[in-house]
Protein backbone atom coordinates (compact mmCIF):
# COMPACT_ATOMS: atom_id res chain seq x y z
CA UNK A 1 -5.17 8.89 -2.06
CA UNK A 2 -8.58 7.65 -1.84
CA UNK A 3 -8.06 4.55 0.85
CA UNK A 4 -10.58 2.13 2.09
CA UNK A 5 -10.72 -1.43 3.79
CA UNK A 6 -13.08 -4.25 2.13
CA UNK A 7 -12.51 -6.99 4.58
CA UNK A 8 -9.19 -7.93 4.80
CA UNK A 9 -7.73 -5.91 1.52
CA UNK A 10 -6.93 -2.18 1.94
CA UNK A 11 -7.08 -0.50 -1.68
CA UNK A 12 -4.97 2.59 -2.38
CA UNK A 13 -5.45 4.53 -5.37
CA UNK A 14 -4.25 7.94 -6.60
CA UNK A 15 -1.10 10.10 -5.58
CA UNK A 16 -0.46 8.77 -1.85
CA UNK A 17 0.94 11.78 -0.20
CA UNK A 18 2.42 12.28 3.38
CA UNK A 19 -0.36 13.25 5.02
CA UNK A 20 -1.93 9.81 3.59
CA UNK A 21 0.17 7.73 6.03
CA UNK A 22 -1.46 8.26 9.44
CA UNK A 23 -4.94 7.34 7.47
CA UNK A 24 -2.81 4.14 6.11
CA UNK A 25 -2.00 3.46 9.28
CA UNK A 26 -5.34 3.40 10.85
CA UNK A 27 -6.73 1.27 7.95
CA UNK A 28 -4.00 -1.39 8.57
CA UNK A 29 -5.21 -1.82 12.49
CA UNK A 30 -5.47 -4.48 13.16
CA UNK A 31 -2.74 -5.78 10.65
CA UNK A 32 -3.14 -9.41 10.90
CA UNK A 33 -4.15 -11.15 7.55
CA UNK A 34 -4.81 -7.70 6.02
CA UNK A 35 -3.47 -7.32 2.24
CA UNK A 36 -2.40 -4.10 0.59
CA UNK A 37 -3.49 -3.75 -3.19
CA UNK A 38 -1.56 -0.94 -4.78
CA UNK A 39 -2.88 -1.69 -8.40
CA UNK A 40 -4.70 1.63 -8.18
CA UNK A 41 -1.66 3.84 -7.49
CA UNK A 42 -0.09 6.68 -9.03
CA UNK A 43 2.54 7.26 -6.63
CA UNK A 44 3.43 6.66 -3.17
CA UNK A 45 5.03 8.97 -0.87
CA UNK A 46 8.19 7.67 1.35
CA UNK A 47 6.16 7.89 4.33
CA UNK A 48 3.33 5.89 3.22
CA UNK A 49 6.40 3.45 2.21
CA UNK A 50 7.52 3.42 5.61
CA UNK A 51 4.11 2.46 6.65
CA UNK A 52 3.90 -0.42 4.74
CA UNK A 53 7.22 -1.56 5.36
CA UNK A 54 6.56 -1.25 9.24
CA UNK A 55 3.12 -3.25 9.10
CA UNK A 56 4.57 -5.83 7.22
CA UNK A 57 1.51 -6.57 5.37
CA UNK A 58 1.50 -8.24 2.23
CA UNK A 59 1.48 -6.08 -1.07
CA UNK A 60 0.05 -6.93 -4.21
CA UNK A 61 -1.50 -5.28 -7.48
CA UNK A 62 0.66 -4.00 -10.19
CA UNK A 63 0.20 -0.43 -10.67
CA UNK A 64 0.25 1.31 -14.05
CA UNK A 65 3.15 4.26 -13.24
CA UNK A 66 6.60 2.93 -14.46
CA UNK A 67 8.49 3.87 -11.41
CA UNK A 68 6.06 1.82 -8.95
CA UNK A 69 6.06 -1.24 -11.07
CA UNK A 70 9.62 -1.57 -12.01
CA UNK A 71 11.32 -0.44 -9.21
CA UNK A 72 9.31 -0.01 -6.15
CA UNK A 73 7.02 -3.12 -6.14
CA UNK A 74 9.68 -5.49 -5.67
CA UNK A 75 11.02 -4.19 -2.26
CA UNK A 76 7.28 -3.82 -1.44
CA UNK A 77 6.02 -7.14 -2.43
CA UNK A 78 5.14 -9.75 -0.08
CA UNK A 79 4.07 -13.46 -0.35
CA UNK A 80 0.59 -13.96 0.49
CA UNK A 81 -0.02 -17.15 1.77
């Protein structure tokens, strides 16, 4: 996974593996006002999904990978104010 934070946006790209969950948690702190863009993701390990759900950060972007886009995105998407 390549993950980086640019201001209030955390970008996730590539294959997000179990060992990336801790990195993501660190990038999401402090989480107030942070948005996560998953448009560059190829896969998300369940541990990474759990971090996204635990921090309740808005998730935006539409990944090209069909399972993420068609099945998982609806569970992760949060309204951005």
